């Protein structure tokens, strides 16, 4: 079984789509916290030029010829095996030495949206906040019914929720790492660190009313693939 970030949306894994979104906004340095089947993700990037290109292979000579003159993504990708059972906070602590800028961005490997991550970072930099999280209105998985005296008066097949929920795209000042314990590998940064910053009133919300979808179910996997295959993927900004 593949790790979730390598499950394909169209011809490429969802991880590629997420990185292309960040790349569109000018980000090129990535740190991937690996766990389950880490080698599969390492192998993907070791073979990345072949993965994204059309090829002609001379089998006897084992020569590979690239059939299109197309520049590759200018990414620097650090692939760090942070352990199978490590929590998100433990993973963040394990790569903290690689986060050498004043700010860093963080997301998971299973959600897509037309999120303006550059504006999110700029808003954080112009504030006295420590962190920012993208807020989204997820689509309900169930139809919403309005009823009057036992009669349905409206039927919304997949209405958006009314409140904001985390879309999983974060931006942080580097000082956020001071809240993350370095000796608790099972720790989750969404618990004490984020809760403490929230109590201090220093976690901002970056509202995102546009498209967002997590890939948690087969239905969502199918929906994302249908959008990509139709040429109408809202997150394809590049």
C-alpha atoms as a PDB file:
ATOM      1  CA  UNK A   1       0.000   0.000   0.000  1.00  0.00           C
ATOM      2  CA  UNK A   2       1.318   3.435  -0.937  1.00  0.00           C
ATOM      3  CA  UNK A   3       1.769   6.218   1.608  1.00  0.00           C
ATOM      4  CA  UNK A   4      -1.115   8.670   1.160  1.00  0.00           C
ATOM      5  CA  UNK A   5       1.059  11.501  -0.258  1.00  0.00           C
ATOM      6  CA  UNK A   6       1.936   9.225  -3.207  1.00  0.00           C
ATOM      7  CA  UNK A   7      -1.666   8.450  -4.171  1.00  0.00           C
ATOM      8  CA  UNK A   8      -2.210   9.860  -7.636  1.00  0.00           C
ATOM      9  CA  UNK A   9      -4.487  12.706  -8.608  1.00  0.00           C
ATOM     10  CA  UNK A  10      -4.295  12.418 -12.360  1.00  0.00           C
ATOM     11  CA  UNK A  11      -0.818  11.295 -13.434  1.00  0.00           C
ATOM     12  CA  UNK A  12       1.055  12.598 -10.384  1.00  0.00           C
ATOM     13  CA  UNK A  13       0.787  12.045  -6.601  1.00  0.00           C
ATOM     14  CA  UNK A  14      -1.116  14.478  -4.420  1.00  0.00           C
ATOM     15  CA  UNK A  15       2.232  15.494  -2.888  1.00  0.00           C
ATOM     16  CA  UNK A  16       3.303  16.831  -6.302  1.00  0.00           C
ATOM     17  CA  UNK A  17       0.116  18.908  -6.576  1.00  0.00           C
ATOM     18  CA  UNK A  18       0.735  20.438  -3.130  1.00  0.00           C
ATOM     19  CA  UNK A  19       4.340  21.268  -3.970  1.00  0.00           C
ATOM     20  CA  UNK A  20       3.330  22.740  -7.342  1.00  0.00           C
ATOM     21  CA  UNK A  21       0.910  25.037  -5.490  1.00  0.00           C
ATOM     22  CA  UNK A  22       3.709  26.296  -3.231  1.00  0.00           C
ATOM     23  CA  UNK A  23       6.046  26.534  -6.200  1.00  0.00           C
ATOM     24  CA  UNK A  24       3.507  28.709  -8.021  1.00  0.00           C
ATOM     25  CA  UNK A  25       3.737  31.184  -5.131  1.00  0.00           C
ATOM     26  CA  UNK A  26       7.525  31.298  -5.266  1.00  0.00           C
ATOM     27  CA  UNK A  27       8.532  28.693  -2.679  1.00  0.00           C
ATOM     28  CA  UNK A  28      11.261  26.254  -3.709  1.00  0.00           C
ATOM     29  CA  UNK A  29      12.753  24.784  -0.503  1.00  0.00           C
ATOM     30  CA  UNK A  30      10.828  21.856   0.953  1.00  0.00           C
ATOM     31  CA  UNK A  31      11.400  19.658   3.989  1.00  0.00           C
ATOM     32  CA  UNK A  32       9.398  16.435   3.887  1.00  0.00           C
ATOM     33  CA  UNK A  33       8.868  14.632   7.197  1.00  0.00           C
ATOM     34  CA  UNK A  34       8.702  10.991   6.188  1.00  0.00           C
ATOM     35  CA  UNK A  35       7.294   8.051   8.094  1.00  0.00           C
ATOM     36  CA  UNK A  36       5.330   5.185   6.560  1.00  0.00           C
ATOM     37  CA  UNK A  37       7.223   3.744   3.570  1.00  0.00           C
ATOM     38  CA  UNK A  38       9.700   6.619   3.570  1.00  0.00           C
ATOM     39  CA  UNK A  39      11.782   4.947   0.858  1.00  0.00           C
ATOM     40  CA  UNK A  40       8.904   5.146  -1.649  1.00  0.00           C
ATOM     41  CA  UNK A  41       8.842   8.931  -1.354  1.00  0.00           C
ATOM     42  CA  UNK A  42      12.643   9.155  -1.523  1.00  0.00           C
ATOM     43  CA  UNK A  43      12.576   6.968  -4.630  1.00  0.00           C
ATOM     44  CA  UNK A  44       9.984   9.219  -6.273  1.00  0.00           C
ATOM     45  CA  UNK A  45      12.264  12.251  -5.979  1.00  0.00           C
ATOM     46  CA  UNK A  46      15.399  10.335  -6.922  1.00  0.00           C
ATOM     47  CA  UNK A  47      13.596   9.455 -10.154  1.00  0.00           C
ATOM     48  CA  UNK A  48      11.713  12.752 -10.460  1.00  0.00           C
ATOM     49  CA  UNK A  49      13.059  13.802 -13.899  1.00  0.00           C
ATOM     50  CA  UNK A  50      11.940  10.475 -15.349  1.00  0.00           C
ATOM     51  CA  UNK A  51       8.607  10.636 -13.506  1.00  0.00           C
ATOM     52  CA  UNK A  52       7.528  13.935 -15.071  1.00  0.00           C
ATOM     53  CA  UNK A  53       9.048  13.564 -18.557  1.00  0.00           C
ATOM     54  CA  UNK A  54       8.435  11.627 -21.741  1.00  0.00           C
ATOM     55  CA  UNK A  55      11.335   9.266 -22.388  1.00  0.00           C
ATOM     56  CA  UNK A  56      12.972   7.077 -24.977  1.00  0.00           C
ATOM     57  CA  UNK A  57      14.927   4.203 -23.421  1.00  0.00           C
ATOM     58  CA  UNK A  58      17.631   2.437 -25.411  1.00  0.00           C
ATOM     59  CA  UNK A  59      17.289  -0.871 -23.633  1.00  0.00           C
ATOM     60  CA  UNK A  60      20.509  -2.533 -24.679  1.00  0.00           C
ATOM     61  CA  UNK A  61      22.656   0.501 -23.836  1.00  0.00           C
ATOM     62  CA  UNK A  62      20.453   1.528 -20.904  1.00  0.00           C
ATOM     63  CA  UNK A  63      20.571   5.097 -22.193  1.00  0.00           C
ATOM     64  CA  UNK A  64      17.662   7.421 -21.437  1.00  0.00           C
ATOM     65  CA  UNK A  65      16.690  10.178 -23.837  1.00  0.00           C
ATOM     66  CA  UNK A  66      14.328  12.958 -22.733  1.00  0.00           C
ATOM     67  CA  UNK A  67      11.832  13.714 -25.493  1.00  0.00           C
ATOM     68  CA  UNK A  68      10.849  17.248 -24.546  1.00  0.00           C
ATOM     69  CA  UNK A  69      12.886  20.323 -23.777  1.00  0.00           C
ATOM     70  CA  UNK A  70      11.080  21.233 -20.587  1.00  0.00           C
ATOM     71  CA  UNK A  71      12.669  22.786 -17.500  1.00  0.00           C
ATOM     72  CA  UNK A  72      12.262  20.830 -14.300  1.00  0.00           C
ATOM     73  CA  UNK A  73      10.919  22.371 -11.112  1.00  0.00           C
ATOM     74  CA  UNK A  74      13.700  24.209  -9.306  1.00  0.00           C
ATOM     75  CA  UNK A  75      13.053  22.533  -5.962  1.00  0.00           C
ATOM     76  CA  UNK A  76      15.397  21.728  -3.126  1.00  0.00           C
ATOM     77  CA  UNK A  77      13.790  18.838  -1.272  1.00  0.00           C
ATOM     78  CA  UNK A  78      15.100  17.551   2.071  1.00  0.00           C
ATOM     79  CA  UNK A  79      13.738  14.050   2.697  1.00  0.00           C
ATOM     80  CA  UNK A  80      13.961  13.286   6.422  1.00  0.00           C
ATOM     81  CA  UNK A  81      12.862   9.953   7.874  1.00  0.00           C
ATOM     82  CA  UNK A  82      11.236  11.069  11.134  1.00  0.00           C
ATOM     83  CA  UNK A  83       9.911   7.638  12.118  1.00  0.00           C
ATOM     84  CA  UNK A  84       6.816   5.531  11.639  1.00  0.00           C
ATOM     85  CA  UNK A  85       4.871   6.446  14.782  1.00  0.00           C
ATOM     86  CA  UNK A  86       6.124   9.980  15.405  1.00  0.00           C
ATOM     87  CA  UNK A  87       3.532  12.671  16.077  1.00  0.00           C
ATOM     88  CA  UNK A  88       3.364  15.875  14.057  1.00  0.00           C
ATOM     89  CA  UNK A  89       5.133  17.795  16.827  1.00  0.00           C
ATOM     90  CA  UNK A  90       7.859  15.170  17.026  1.00  0.00           C
ATOM     91  CA  UNK A  91       8.347  15.379  13.278  1.00  0.00           C
ATOM     92  CA  UNK A  92       8.554  19.168  13.416  1.00  0.00           C
ATOM     93  CA  UNK A  93      11.125  18.998  16.212  1.00  0.00           C
ATOM     94  CA  UNK A  94      13.179  16.465  14.237  1.00  0.00           C
ATOM     95  CA  UNK A  95      13.586  18.854  11.292  1.00  0.00           C
ATOM     96  CA  UNK A  96      13.783  22.124  13.242  1.00  0.00           C
ATOM     97  CA  UNK A  97      17.507  22.467  12.474  1.00  0.00           C
ATOM     98  CA  UNK A  98      16.616  22.730   8.782  1.00  0.00           C
ATOM     99  CA  UNK A  99      14.142  25.569   9.321  1.00  0.00           C
ATOM    100  CA  UNK A 100      16.730  28.328   9.177  1.00  0.00           C
ATOM    101  CA  UNK A 101      14.587  31.276   8.045  1.00  0.00           C
ATOM    102  CA  UNK A 102      12.504  33.728  10.100  1.00  0.00           C
ATOM    103  CA  UNK A 103       9.301  32.077   8.869  1.00  0.00           C
ATOM    104  CA  UNK A 104       8.249  28.650   7.664  1.00  0.00           C
ATOM    105  CA  UNK A 105       5.103  27.155   6.234  1.00  0.00           C
ATOM    106  CA  UNK A 106       3.642  23.776   7.081  1.00  0.00           C
ATOM    107  CA  UNK A 107       0.945  21.558   5.656  1.00  0.00           C
ATOM    108  CA  UNK A 108      -0.125  17.940   5.475  1.00  0.00           C
ATOM    109  CA  UNK A 109       0.125  15.576   2.518  1.00  0.00           C
ATOM    110  CA  UNK A 110      -3.558  15.042   1.792  1.00  0.00           C
ATOM    111  CA  UNK A 111      -5.366  18.334   1.161  1.00  0.00           C
ATOM    112  CA  UNK A 112      -5.708  20.514  -1.949  1.00  0.00           C
ATOM    113  CA  UNK A 113      -7.051  23.998  -2.545  1.00  0.00           C
ATOM    114  CA  UNK A 114      -6.463  27.198  -4.482  1.00  0.00           C
ATOM    115  CA  UNK A 115      -4.922  28.645  -1.314  1.00  0.00           C
ATOM    116  CA  UNK A 116      -2.888  31.859  -1.588  1.00  0.00           C
ATOM    117  CA  UNK A 117      -0.053  30.747   0.685  1.00  0.00           C
ATOM    118  CA  UNK A 118       2.119  33.742  -0.237  1.00  0.00           C
ATOM    119  CA  UNK A 119      -0.510  36.213   0.985  1.00  0.00           C
ATOM    120  CA  UNK A 120      -0.921  34.149   4.146  1.00  0.00           C
ATOM    121  CA  UNK A 121       2.804  34.507   4.858  1.00  0.00           C
ATOM    122  CA  UNK A 122       2.801  38.226   4.074  1.00  0.00           C
ATOM    123  CA  UNK A 123      -0.125  38.828   6.438  1.00  0.00           C
ATOM    124  CA  UNK A 124       1.725  36.967   9.186  1.00  0.00           C
ATOM    125  CA  UNK A 125       4.895  38.987   8.612  1.00  0.00           C
ATOM    126  CA  UNK A 126       2.923  42.249   8.861  1.00  0.00           C
ATOM    127  CA  UNK A 127       1.401  41.237  12.213  1.00  0.00           C
ATOM    128  CA  UNK A 128       2.590  40.439  15.724  1.00  0.00           C
ATOM    129  CA  UNK A 129       1.131  36.937  15.476  1.00  0.00           C
ATOM    130  CA  UNK A 130       3.218  33.803  15.895  1.00  0.00           C
ATOM    131  CA  UNK A 131       1.201  31.668  13.518  1.00  0.00           C
ATOM    132  CA  UNK A 132      -1.617  31.591  11.007  1.00  0.00           C
ATOM    133  CA  UNK A 133      -3.926  28.824   9.828  1.00  0.00           C
ATOM    134  CA  UNK A 134      -6.063  28.759   6.712  1.00  0.00           C
ATOM    135  CA  UNK A 135      -9.761  28.576   7.545  1.00  0.00           C
ATOM    136  CA  UNK A 136     -12.057  26.824   5.075  1.00  0.00           C
ATOM    137  CA  UNK A 137     -15.753  26.014   4.717  1.00  0.00           C
ATOM    138  CA  UNK A 138     -15.748  22.274   3.950  1.00  0.00           C
ATOM    139  CA  UNK A 139     -18.490  20.769   1.840  1.00  0.00           C
ATOM    140  CA  UNK A 140     -20.824  18.508   3.761  1.00  0.00           C
ATOM    141  CA  UNK A 141     -20.785  14.842   2.817  1.00  0.00           C
ATOM    142  CA  UNK A 142     -24.535  14.669   3.303  1.00  0.00           C
ATOM    143  CA  UNK A 143     -27.487  16.495   1.840  1.00  0.00           C
ATOM    144  CA  UNK A 144     -28.934  19.299   3.962  1.00  0.00           C
ATOM    145  CA  UNK A 145     -32.710  19.469   4.160  1.00  0.00           C
ATOM    146  CA  UNK A 146     -34.924  22.377   5.125  1.00  0.00           C
ATOM    147  CA  UNK A 147     -38.281  21.111   6.392  1.00  0.00           C
ATOM    148  CA  UNK A 148     -41.582  22.840   7.108  1.00  0.00           C
ATOM    149  CA  UNK A 149     -44.376  20.789   8.715  1.00  0.00           C
ATOM    150  CA  UNK A 150     -42.955  17.520   7.446  1.00  0.00           C
ATOM    151  CA  UNK A 151     -42.416  18.800   3.889  1.00  0.00           C
ATOM    152  CA  UNK A 152     -38.949  19.379   2.414  1.00  0.00           C
ATOM    153  CA  UNK A 153     -38.707  23.016   1.300  1.00  0.00           C
ATOM    154  CA  UNK A 154     -35.098  22.946   0.093  1.00  0.00           C
ATOM    155  CA  UNK A 155     -32.518  20.311  -0.668  1.00  0.00           C
ATOM    156  CA  UNK A 156     -28.837  21.265  -0.827  1.00  0.00           C
ATOM    157  CA  UNK A 157     -26.898  18.241  -2.032  1.00  0.00           C
ATOM    158  CA  UNK A 158     -23.481  19.293  -0.679  1.00  0.00           C
ATOM    159  CA  UNK A 159     -23.821  22.572   1.206  1.00  0.00           C
ATOM    160  CA  UNK A 160     -20.734  24.236   2.703  1.00  0.00           C
ATOM    161  CA  UNK A 161     -20.436  24.345   6.451  1.00  0.00           C
ATOM    162  CA  UNK A 162     -21.200  27.614   8.205  1.00  0.00           C
ATOM    163  CA  UNK A 163     -18.153  27.881  10.472  1.00  0.00           C
ATOM    164  CA  UNK A 164     -14.449  27.897   9.710  1.00  0.00           C
ATOM    165  CA  UNK A 165     -12.398  24.747  10.117  1.00  0.00           C
ATOM    166  CA  UNK A 166      -8.677  24.271   9.689  1.00  0.00           C
ATOM    167  CA  UNK A 167      -7.647  23.718   6.084  1.00  0.00           C
ATOM    168  CA  UNK A 168      -4.233  22.516   7.250  1.00  0.00           C
ATOM    169  CA  UNK A 169      -2.143  25.245   5.610  1.00  0.00           C
ATOM    170  CA  UNK A 170      -0.083  26.918   8.345  1.00  0.00           C
ATOM    171  CA  UNK A 171       2.450  29.740   8.444  1.00  0.00           C
ATOM    172  CA  UNK A 172       4.653  30.276  11.505  1.00  0.00           C
ATOM    173  CA  UNK A 173       7.362  32.518  12.790  1.00  0.00           C
ATOM    174  CA  UNK A 174      10.393  30.459  13.696  1.00  0.00           C
ATOM    175  CA  UNK A 175       9.808  31.235  17.381  1.00  0.00           C
ATOM    176  CA  UNK A 176       6.879  28.817  17.246  1.00  0.00           C
ATOM    177  CA  UNK A 177       9.483  26.069  17.511  1.00  0.00           C
ATOM    178  CA  UNK A 178      10.129  27.215  21.105  1.00  0.00           C
ATOM    179  CA  UNK A 179       6.664  25.868  21.955  1.00  0.00           C
ATOM    180  CA  UNK A 180       7.390  22.433  20.469  1.00  0.00           C
ATOM    181  CA  UNK A 181       9.058  19.954  22.876  1.00  0.00           C
ATOM    182  CA  UNK A 182      12.235  18.396  21.514  1.00  0.00           C
ATOM    183  CA  UNK A 183      12.124  15.206  23.591  1.00  0.00           C
ATOM    184  CA  UNK A 184       8.560  13.962  23.001  1.00  0.00           C
ATOM    185  CA  UNK A 185       8.429  12.178  19.627  1.00  0.00           C
ATOM    186  CA  UNK A 186       4.761  11.228  20.050  1.00  0.00           C
ATOM    187  CA  UNK A 187       3.752  14.851  20.610  1.00  0.00           C
ATOM    188  CA  UNK A 188       1.338  16.631  18.223  1.00  0.00           C
ATOM    189  CA  UNK A 189       2.003  20.309  17.501  1.00  0.00           C
ATOM    190  CA  UNK A 190      -1.747  20.872  17.076  1.00  0.00           C
ATOM    191  CA  UNK A 191      -2.187  20.173  20.808  1.00  0.00           C
ATOM    192  CA  UNK A 192      -0.198  22.145  23.381  1.00  0.00           C
ATOM    193  CA  UNK A 193       1.882  24.352  21.028  1.00  0.00           C
ATOM    194  CA  UNK A 194      -1.017  25.603  18.919  1.00  0.00           C
ATOM    195  CA  UNK A 195      -3.345  25.720  21.926  1.00  0.00           C
ATOM    196  CA  UNK A 196      -0.853  27.844  23.873  1.00  0.00           C
ATOM    197  CA  UNK A 197      -0.349  30.270  20.985  1.00  0.00           C
ATOM    198  CA  UNK A 198      -4.141  30.447  20.673  1.00  0.00           C
ATOM    199  CA  UNK A 199      -4.528  31.229  24.392  1.00  0.00           C
ATOM    200  CA  UNK A 200      -2.052  34.071  23.936  1.00  0.00           C
ATOM    201  CA  UNK A 201      -4.154  35.480  21.098  1.00  0.00           C
ATOM    202  CA  UNK A 202      -1.320  35.036  18.608  1.00  0.00           C
ATOM    203  CA  UNK A 203      -2.777  32.530  16.143  1.00  0.00           C
ATOM    204  CA  UNK A 204      -4.353  34.230  13.153  1.00  0.00           C
ATOM    205  CA  UNK A 205      -7.011  32.989  10.753  1.00  0.00           C
ATOM    206  CA  UNK A 206      -6.425  33.316   7.032  1.00  0.00           C
ATOM    207  CA  UNK A 207      -9.938  32.943   5.576  1.00  0.00           C
ATOM    208  CA  UNK A 208     -10.092  30.934   2.375  1.00  0.00           C
ATOM    209  CA  UNK A 209     -13.570  30.979   0.828  1.00  0.00           C
ATOM    210  CA  UNK A 210     -12.349  29.258  -2.342  1.00  0.00           C
ATOM    211  CA  UNK A 211     -11.906  25.601  -3.192  1.00  0.00           C
ATOM    212  CA  UNK A 212     -10.501  23.161  -0.635  1.00  0.00           C
ATOM    213  CA  UNK A 213     -10.864  19.419  -0.253  1.00  0.00           C
ATOM    214  CA  UNK A 214      -9.147  16.867   1.940  1.00  0.00           C
ATOM    215  CA  UNK A 215      -8.531  13.387   0.541  1.00  0.00           C
ATOM    216  CA  UNK A 216      -9.781  11.291   3.443  1.00  0.00           C
ATOM    217  CA  UNK A 217     -12.239   9.009   1.648  1.00  0.00           C
ATOM    218  CA  UNK A 218     -12.549   7.189  -1.661  1.00  0.00           C
ATOM    219  CA  UNK A 219     -15.331   9.606  -2.574  1.00  0.00           C
ATOM    220  CA  UNK A 220     -12.987  12.575  -2.168  1.00  0.00           C
ATOM    221  CA  UNK A 221     -10.220  10.772  -4.058  1.00  0.00           C
ATOM    222  CA  UNK A 222     -12.664  10.182  -6.911  1.00  0.00           C
ATOM    223  CA  UNK A 223     -13.917  13.777  -6.840  1.00  0.00           C
ATOM    224  CA  UNK A 224     -10.378  15.193  -6.999  1.00  0.00           C
ATOM    225  CA  UNK A 225      -9.480  12.918  -9.889  1.00  0.00           C
ATOM    226  CA  UNK A 226     -12.656  13.824 -11.742  1.00  0.00           C
ATOM    227  CA  UNK A 227     -11.840  17.529 -11.385  1.00  0.00           C
ATOM    228  CA  UNK A 228      -8.303  16.985 -12.651  1.00  0.00           C
ATOM    229  CA  UNK A 229      -9.353  14.790 -15.555  1.00  0.00           C
ATOM    230  CA  UNK A 230     -12.019  17.305 -16.616  1.00  0.00           C
ATOM    231  CA  UNK A 231      -9.420  20.085 -16.831  1.00  0.00           C
ATOM    232  CA  UNK A 232     -11.264  22.050 -14.136  1.00  0.00           C
ATOM    233  CA  UNK A 233      -9.046  21.491 -11.104  1.00  0.00           C
ATOM    234  CA  UNK A 234      -9.365  24.755  -9.121  1.00  0.00           C
ATOM    235  CA  UNK A 235      -6.035  24.230  -7.338  1.00  0.00           C
ATOM    236  CA  UNK A 236      -4.075  24.087 -10.623  1.00  0.00           C
ATOM    237  CA  UNK A 237      -2.741  27.649 -10.556  1.00  0.00           C
ATOM    238  CA  UNK A 238       0.540  26.881 -12.306  1.00  0.00           C
END
